[in-house]
C-alpha cells in the first residue's frame, strides 16, 4: 500500500513558476514509476509527466516539454514537478500517481495503468 500526498499548488500569474511535491508513504517507493496527471474543469484527466523508478528516464506530454521538469528523491520518498512559463491552459488539479514497475515510464501514461493516486492539488494560472 502506498499513500500519496501532493502539495505546492496555488495561484500564479501567467509566465510564473510553481513546484509541486508528492510525498509517498511506504518503504518501496523506489520500486514505483511516478506520474503526474492533471484534470481541468469539464475535461478528462490527462497525462503530464512520468519518471522511472530509478529516476533515470523521464517522459513528458508535448504541451509541457521544455517548461516542466519531473524529478524524484528516493531517499525522501518524494517526486517533484517543477513548472515554469505557466500558461492559463495549465490550470487544473494536478495529481501524482504511482505504478509498480521498473519499465520505461513512457509505457505508463494512462490513468487506468496507475496503482495509487493522491488527492490532488489545484494550480490556477491567471492571465
Foldseek 3Di string as FASTA:
>chain_A
DKAKAKDWADEAAAQAKTKMKIAMDDDVQLQKKKFKWWDDPPGDIFTAKIAASNRPAIDGDPVQPPFWDWGDDSVRRMIMIIGGSDDQVVWTWMKMFIARHRDHCVVPGDPVRTDDIYPTDTHGYHD
